[in-house]
């Protein structure tokens, strides 16, 4: 009798808790809205150091765009990029923008993330924080 009651209690608690656990999984919609973005590229032979600031705008459906300003050895450039992203349930993803490829990780609420460029011969990172 006690065992049956314990099993029923566990089943009820699990059914209540499951929706909360499910909400913690990431999906495309976790990355949605406007984010402040900062970045840094480490310079080495053939690749200039730079700092980057901008805005990343994600549509929550796998599409994004960025507006950014870079300072490369004191030379200022402004750019706009469009791209796509995937996002796994564990909040890791891949972003592609032109010929740039990035791996990234988001917080489960989608409020912050960190990116690393995965193209050979680059050492670039970016962080984002929801506005």
N, C-alpha and C. Protein backbone atom coordinates (compact mmCIF):
# COMPACT_ATOMS: atom_id res chain seq x y z
N UNK A 1 0.82 -1.19 0.00
CA UNK A 1 0.00 0.00 0.00
C UNK A 1 0.86 1.25 0.00
N UNK A 2 1.87 1.27 0.90
CA UNK A 2 2.76 2.43 0.96
C UNK A 2 3.53 2.59 -0.34
N UNK A 3 3.91 1.48 -0.94
CA UNK A 3 4.64 1.52 -2.20
C UNK A 3 3.77 2.12 -3.30
N UNK A 4 2.51 1.69 -3.37
CA UNK A 4 1.60 2.23 -4.38
C UNK A 4 1.41 3.73 -4.18
N UNK A 5 1.26 4.16 -2.95
CA UNK A 5 1.09 5.58 -2.65
C UNK A 5 2.35 6.35 -3.05
N UNK A 6 3.51 5.82 -2.74
CA UNK A 6 4.77 6.48 -3.09
C UNK A 6 4.90 6.61 -4.60
N UNK A 7 4.54 5.57 -5.34
CA UNK A 7 4.60 5.61 -6.81
C UNK A 7 3.64 6.67 -7.34
N UNK A 8 2.42 6.72 -6.78
CA UNK A 8 1.45 7.72 -7.22
C UNK A 8 1.96 9.13 -6.95
N UNK A 9 2.56 9.35 -5.79
CA UNK A 9 3.11 10.67 -5.45
C UNK A 9 4.22 11.04 -6.44
N UNK A 10 5.10 10.09 -6.74
CA UNK A 10 6.19 10.35 -7.68
C UNK A 10 5.64 10.69 -9.06
N UNK A 11 4.64 9.94 -9.51
CA UNK A 11 4.04 10.19 -10.82
C UNK A 11 3.42 11.59 -10.86
N UNK A 12 2.70 11.95 -9.82
CA UNK A 12 2.08 13.28 -9.77
C UNK A 12 3.14 14.37 -9.76
N UNK A 13 4.16 14.22 -8.92
CA UNK A 13 5.24 15.23 -8.87
C UNK A 13 5.97 15.33 -10.20
N UNK A 14 6.23 14.20 -10.83
CA UNK A 14 6.92 14.22 -12.13
C UNK A 14 6.06 14.91 -13.17
N UNK A 15 4.75 14.67 -13.16
CA UNK A 15 3.88 15.30 -14.15
C UNK A 15 3.79 16.81 -13.93
N UNK A 16 3.92 17.24 -12.69
CA UNK A 16 3.93 18.68 -12.40
C UNK A 16 5.28 19.28 -12.79
N UNK A 17 6.35 18.59 -12.48
CA UNK A 17 7.69 19.13 -12.72
C UNK A 17 8.08 19.07 -14.19
N UNK A 18 7.57 18.11 -14.96
CA UNK A 18 8.01 17.95 -16.35
C UNK A 18 7.86 19.22 -17.18
N UNK A 19 6.73 19.93 -17.14
CA UNK A 19 6.64 21.15 -17.93
C UNK A 19 7.73 22.17 -17.56
N UNK A 20 8.10 22.25 -16.30
CA UNK A 20 9.17 23.18 -15.91
C UNK A 20 10.50 22.74 -16.50
N UNK A 21 10.77 21.43 -16.48
CA UNK A 21 12.01 20.95 -17.10
C UNK A 21 11.99 21.21 -18.59
N UNK A 22 10.88 20.96 -19.24
CA UNK A 22 10.78 21.13 -20.69
C UNK A 22 11.02 22.58 -21.07
N UNK A 23 10.59 23.52 -20.25
CA UNK A 23 10.77 24.93 -20.56
C UNK A 23 12.25 25.32 -20.52
N UNK A 24 13.07 24.55 -19.84
CA UNK A 24 14.49 24.90 -19.76
C UNK A 24 15.25 24.50 -21.01
N UNK A 25 14.68 23.66 -21.88
CA UNK A 25 15.35 23.28 -23.11
C UNK A 25 15.37 24.46 -24.07
N UNK A 26 16.45 24.58 -24.80
CA UNK A 26 16.56 25.64 -25.79
C UNK A 26 15.97 25.18 -27.12
N UNK A 27 15.52 26.15 -27.90
CA UNK A 27 15.03 25.93 -29.26
C UNK A 27 15.38 27.20 -30.05
N UNK A 28 15.07 27.20 -31.33
CA UNK A 28 15.37 28.39 -32.15
C UNK A 28 14.82 29.66 -31.51
N UNK A 29 13.65 29.57 -30.89
CA UNK A 29 13.02 30.76 -30.32
C UNK A 29 13.74 31.28 -29.07
N UNK A 30 14.65 30.50 -28.50
CA UNK A 30 15.40 30.98 -27.33
C UNK A 30 16.27 32.17 -27.70
N UNK A 31 16.81 32.16 -28.93
CA UNK A 31 17.60 33.29 -29.43
C UNK A 31 16.65 34.15 -30.24
N UNK A 32 16.12 35.18 -29.59
CA UNK A 32 15.10 36.01 -30.22
C UNK A 32 15.18 37.42 -29.65
N UNK A 33 15.15 38.41 -30.54
CA UNK A 33 15.17 39.80 -30.12
C UNK A 33 16.52 40.46 -30.39
N UNK A 34 16.74 41.59 -29.72
CA UNK A 34 17.95 42.38 -29.91
C UNK A 34 18.92 42.16 -28.77
N UNK A 35 20.20 42.02 -29.12
CA UNK A 35 21.26 41.77 -28.15
C UNK A 35 22.39 42.77 -28.36
N UNK A 36 22.93 43.29 -27.27
CA UNK A 36 24.17 44.05 -27.34
C UNK A 36 25.28 43.04 -27.59
N UNK A 37 26.24 43.40 -28.45
CA UNK A 37 27.29 42.47 -28.83
C UNK A 37 28.65 43.14 -28.69
N UNK A 38 29.59 42.43 -28.09
CA UNK A 38 30.98 42.87 -28.04
C UNK A 38 31.84 41.72 -28.53
N UNK A 39 33.01 42.06 -29.06
CA UNK A 39 33.88 41.01 -29.55
C UNK A 39 35.33 41.45 -29.58
N UNK A 40 36.16 40.45 -29.78
CA UNK A 40 37.59 40.69 -29.80
C UNK A 40 38.24 39.66 -30.72
N UNK A 41 39.17 40.14 -31.54
CA UNK A 41 39.97 39.25 -32.36
C UNK A 41 41.42 39.41 -31.94
N UNK A 42 42.06 38.28 -31.70
CA UNK A 42 43.47 38.28 -31.32
C UNK A 42 44.30 38.32 -32.59
N UNK A 43 45.20 39.26 -32.65
CA UNK A 43 46.04 39.38 -33.84
C UNK A 43 47.22 38.43 -33.80
N UNK A 44 47.62 37.99 -34.97
CA UNK A 44 48.82 37.18 -35.14
C UNK A 44 49.25 37.37 -36.59
N UNK A 45 50.31 36.74 -37.00
CA UNK A 45 50.84 36.94 -38.35
C UNK A 45 49.77 36.71 -39.40
N UNK A 46 49.50 37.76 -40.19
CA UNK A 46 48.50 37.67 -41.25
C UNK A 46 47.08 37.96 -40.82
N UNK A 47 46.87 38.28 -39.54
CA UNK A 47 45.52 38.53 -39.04
C UNK A 47 45.58 39.67 -38.03
N UNK A 48 44.86 40.75 -38.31
CA UNK A 48 44.91 41.94 -37.45
C UNK A 48 44.05 41.79 -36.21
N UNK A 49 44.55 42.31 -35.10
CA UNK A 49 43.74 42.40 -33.88
C UNK A 49 42.64 43.42 -34.11
N UNK A 50 41.51 43.24 -33.42
CA UNK A 50 40.41 44.19 -33.54
C UNK A 50 39.47 44.06 -32.35
N UNK A 51 38.70 45.10 -32.12
CA UNK A 51 37.61 45.05 -31.15
C UNK A 51 36.32 45.39 -31.89
N UNK A 52 35.23 44.82 -31.41
CA UNK A 52 33.96 44.91 -32.11
C UNK A 52 32.86 45.25 -31.11
N UNK A 53 31.96 46.14 -31.50
CA UNK A 53 30.72 46.39 -30.76
C UNK A 53 29.58 46.43 -31.76
N UNK A 54 28.40 46.07 -31.31
CA UNK A 54 27.27 46.12 -32.22
C UNK A 54 26.01 45.56 -31.62
N UNK A 55 25.09 45.24 -32.50
CA UNK A 55 23.80 44.68 -32.13
C UNK A 55 23.57 43.43 -32.97
N UNK A 56 23.15 42.35 -32.33
CA UNK A 56 22.73 41.14 -33.01
C UNK A 56 21.22 41.07 -32.87
N UNK A 57 20.52 40.88 -33.99
CA UNK A 57 19.07 40.80 -33.99
C UNK A 57 18.66 39.43 -34.51
N UNK A 58 18.01 38.63 -33.67
CA UNK A 58 17.61 37.27 -34.03
C UNK A 58 16.09 37.19 -34.13
N UNK A 59 15.61 36.46 -35.15
CA UNK A 59 14.16 36.39 -35.36
C UNK A 59 13.47 35.24 -34.62
N UNK A 60 14.23 34.40 -33.92
CA UNK A 60 13.64 33.29 -33.20
C UNK A 60 13.25 32.13 -34.10
N UNK A 61 13.61 32.21 -35.40
CA UNK A 61 13.25 31.17 -36.36
C UNK A 61 14.47 30.66 -37.13
N UNK A 62 15.67 31.08 -36.71
CA UNK A 62 16.89 30.63 -37.39
C UNK A 62 17.54 31.68 -38.26
N UNK A 63 17.01 32.89 -38.28
CA UNK A 63 17.59 33.98 -39.06
C UNK A 63 18.09 35.08 -38.15
N UNK A 64 19.18 35.74 -38.56
CA UNK A 64 19.69 36.85 -37.75
C UNK A 64 20.42 37.86 -38.62
N UNK A 65 20.63 39.02 -38.05
CA UNK A 65 21.44 40.05 -38.69
C UNK A 65 22.23 40.76 -37.60
N UNK A 66 23.35 41.35 -38.01
CA UNK A 66 24.16 42.12 -37.07
C UNK A 66 24.51 43.46 -37.70
N UNK A 67 24.61 44.45 -36.87
CA UNK A 67 25.17 45.75 -37.23
C UNK A 67 26.32 45.96 -36.28
N UNK A 68 27.51 46.19 -36.81
CA UNK A 68 28.67 46.28 -35.94
C UNK A 68 29.66 47.32 -36.40
N UNK A 69 30.44 47.79 -35.44
CA UNK A 69 31.55 48.69 -35.69
C UNK A 69 32.81 47.99 -35.20
N UNK A 70 33.85 48.00 -36.05
CA UNK A 70 35.12 47.38 -35.69
C UNK A 70 36.21 48.43 -35.69
N UNK A 71 37.13 48.29 -34.76
CA UNK A 71 38.35 49.08 -34.77
C UNK A 71 39.50 48.09 -34.98
N UNK A 72 40.13 48.20 -36.14
CA UNK A 72 41.24 47.31 -36.51
C UNK A 72 42.49 48.17 -36.61
N UNK A 73 43.32 48.04 -35.57
CA UNK A 73 44.53 48.87 -35.50
C UNK A 73 44.19 50.36 -35.64
N UNK A 74 43.07 50.76 -35.05
CA UNK A 74 42.65 52.15 -35.07
C UNK A 74 41.84 52.55 -36.29
N UNK A 75 41.70 51.69 -37.27
CA UNK A 75 40.89 51.98 -38.45
C UNK A 75 39.47 51.49 -38.19
N UNK A 76 38.50 52.40 -38.32
CA UNK A 76 37.10 52.11 -38.01
C UNK A 76 36.35 51.68 -39.26
N UNK A 77 35.61 50.56 -39.14
CA UNK A 77 34.73 50.11 -40.22
C UNK A 77 33.38 49.75 -39.62
N UNK A 78 32.35 49.94 -40.42
CA UNK A 78 30.99 49.59 -40.01
C UNK A 78 30.43 48.60 -41.01
N UNK A 79 29.73 47.58 -40.51
CA UNK A 79 29.25 46.52 -41.38
C UNK A 79 27.88 46.03 -40.93
N UNK A 80 27.16 45.46 -41.88
CA UNK A 80 25.90 44.78 -41.62
C UNK A 80 26.03 43.38 -42.21
N UNK A 81 25.64 42.36 -41.44
CA UNK A 81 25.70 40.98 -41.89
C UNK A 81 24.36 40.30 -41.66
N UNK A 82 24.01 39.38 -42.51
CA UNK A 82 22.85 38.52 -42.33
C UNK A 82 23.33 37.08 -42.22
N UNK A 83 22.61 36.27 -41.47
CA UNK A 83 23.03 34.89 -41.32
C UNK A 83 21.92 34.00 -40.83
N UNK A 84 22.31 32.76 -40.54
CA UNK A 84 21.38 31.77 -40.03
C UNK A 84 22.00 31.10 -38.81
N UNK A 85 21.15 30.46 -38.01
CA UNK A 85 21.65 29.74 -36.85
C UNK A 85 20.79 28.51 -36.59
N UNK A 86 21.42 27.55 -35.92
CA UNK A 86 20.72 26.39 -35.38
C UNK A 86 20.94 26.42 -33.88
N UNK A 87 20.05 25.80 -33.14
CA UNK A 87 20.19 25.77 -31.69
C UNK A 87 19.66 24.45 -31.16
N UNK A 88 20.51 23.74 -30.44
CA UNK A 88 20.15 22.44 -29.88
C UNK A 88 19.47 22.63 -28.52
N UNK A 89 18.84 21.58 -28.04
CA UNK A 89 18.13 21.62 -26.76
C UNK A 89 19.07 21.94 -25.60
N UNK A 90 20.38 21.62 -25.74
CA UNK A 90 21.34 21.91 -24.67
C UNK A 90 21.89 23.33 -24.75
N UNK A 91 21.29 24.17 -25.60
CA UNK A 91 21.63 25.59 -25.75
C UNK A 91 22.97 25.83 -26.45
N UNK A 92 23.47 24.85 -27.19
CA UNK A 92 24.64 25.05 -28.04
C UNK A 92 24.14 25.20 -29.47
N UNK A 93 24.85 26.00 -30.25
CA UNK A 93 24.40 26.23 -31.61
C UNK A 93 25.53 26.54 -32.57
N UNK A 94 25.13 26.70 -33.82
CA UNK A 94 26.06 27.06 -34.89
C UNK A 94 25.44 28.23 -35.64
N UNK A 95 26.26 29.24 -35.92
CA UNK A 95 25.82 30.40 -36.69
C UNK A 95 26.69 30.49 -37.93
N UNK A 96 26.08 30.83 -39.06
CA UNK A 96 26.80 31.07 -40.30
C UNK A 96 26.38 32.43 -40.83
N UNK A 97 27.37 33.24 -41.18
CA UNK A 97 27.12 34.56 -41.75
C UNK A 97 28.16 34.77 -42.85
N UNK A 98 27.72 34.71 -44.10
CA UNK A 98 28.67 34.77 -45.21
C UNK A 98 29.62 33.59 -45.12
N UNK A 99 30.93 33.90 -45.12
CA UNK A 99 31.91 32.81 -45.00
C UNK A 99 32.39 32.62 -43.56
N UNK A 100 31.74 33.28 -42.60
CA UNK A 100 32.09 33.14 -41.19
C UNK A 100 31.24 32.06 -40.54
N UNK A 101 31.90 31.21 -39.77
CA UNK A 101 31.22 30.13 -39.05
C UNK A 101 31.55 30.27 -37.57
N UNK A 102 30.52 30.08 -36.75
CA UNK A 102 30.65 30.28 -35.31
C UNK A 102 29.99 29.14 -34.56
N UNK A 103 30.57 28.74 -33.44
CA UNK A 103 29.90 27.90 -32.45
C UNK A 103 29.52 28.81 -31.30
N UNK A 104 28.38 28.55 -30.66
CA UNK A 104 27.98 29.40 -29.55
C UNK A 104 27.21 28.62 -28.50
N UNK A 105 27.10 29.25 -27.33
CA UNK A 105 26.35 28.71 -26.20
C UNK A 105 25.51 29.84 -25.63
N UNK A 106 24.25 29.55 -25.35
CA UNK A 106 23.35 30.52 -24.73
C UNK A 106 23.00 30.09 -23.32
N UNK A 107 22.63 31.06 -22.49
CA UNK A 107 22.01 30.71 -21.22
C UNK A 107 20.63 30.14 -21.54
N UNK A 108 20.08 29.34 -20.63
CA UNK A 108 18.80 28.67 -20.91
C UNK A 108 17.66 29.65 -21.14
N UNK A 109 17.75 30.85 -20.57
CA UNK A 109 16.70 31.84 -20.79
C UNK A 109 16.96 32.70 -22.02
N UNK A 110 18.09 32.47 -22.71
CA UNK A 110 18.40 33.21 -23.92
C UNK A 110 18.86 34.63 -23.69
N UNK A 111 19.16 35.00 -22.46
CA UNK A 111 19.53 36.38 -22.15
C UNK A 111 20.98 36.72 -22.50
N UNK A 112 21.86 35.70 -22.51
CA UNK A 112 23.27 35.95 -22.78
C UNK A 112 23.86 34.79 -23.56
N UNK A 113 24.95 35.06 -24.27
CA UNK A 113 25.62 34.01 -25.01
C UNK A 113 27.06 34.36 -25.31
N UNK A 114 27.82 33.33 -25.64
CA UNK A 114 29.22 33.50 -26.04
C UNK A 114 29.44 32.75 -27.35
N UNK A 115 30.24 33.35 -28.23
CA UNK A 115 30.50 32.82 -29.56
C UNK A 115 32.01 32.69 -29.78
N UNK A 116 32.41 31.71 -30.58
CA UNK A 116 33.79 31.61 -31.03
C UNK A 116 33.76 31.30 -32.53
N UNK A 117 34.55 32.06 -33.28
CA UNK A 117 34.61 31.82 -34.72
C UNK A 117 35.42 30.56 -34.96
N UNK A 118 34.92 29.70 -35.83
CA UNK A 118 35.55 28.40 -36.05
C UNK A 118 36.27 28.30 -37.38
N UNK A 119 36.36 29.40 -38.13
CA UNK A 119 37.14 29.38 -39.37
C UNK A 119 38.61 29.19 -39.04
N UNK A 120 39.30 28.35 -39.82
CA UNK A 120 40.74 28.18 -39.62
C UNK A 120 41.45 29.52 -39.75
N UNK A 121 42.48 29.71 -38.93
CA UNK A 121 43.29 30.92 -39.01
C UNK A 121 42.69 32.14 -38.34
N UNK A 122 41.63 31.96 -37.53
CA UNK A 122 41.04 33.10 -36.82
C UNK A 122 40.99 32.80 -35.32
N UNK A 123 41.01 33.87 -34.54
CA UNK A 123 40.86 33.76 -33.09
C UNK A 123 39.94 34.90 -32.66
N UNK A 124 38.65 34.69 -32.85
CA UNK A 124 37.66 35.73 -32.61
C UNK A 124 36.59 35.20 -31.65
N UNK A 125 36.24 36.01 -30.65
CA UNK A 125 35.14 35.67 -29.74
C UNK A 125 34.17 36.84 -29.69
N UNK A 126 32.93 36.53 -29.33
CA UNK A 126 31.91 37.57 -29.14
C UNK A 126 31.03 37.15 -27.98
N UNK A 127 30.49 38.16 -27.33
CA UNK A 127 29.49 37.92 -26.29
C UNK A 127 28.25 38.73 -26.64
N UNK A 128 27.10 38.21 -26.23
CA UNK A 128 25.85 38.94 -26.45
C UNK A 128 25.08 38.99 -25.13
N UNK A 129 24.31 40.06 -24.99
CA UNK A 129 23.46 40.23 -23.82
C UNK A 129 22.17 40.91 -24.28
N UNK A 130 21.04 40.33 -23.89
CA UNK A 130 19.74 40.84 -24.32
C UNK A 130 19.55 42.28 -23.87
N UNK A 131 19.01 43.11 -24.76
CA UNK A 131 18.75 44.51 -24.43
C UNK A 131 17.49 44.63 -23.63
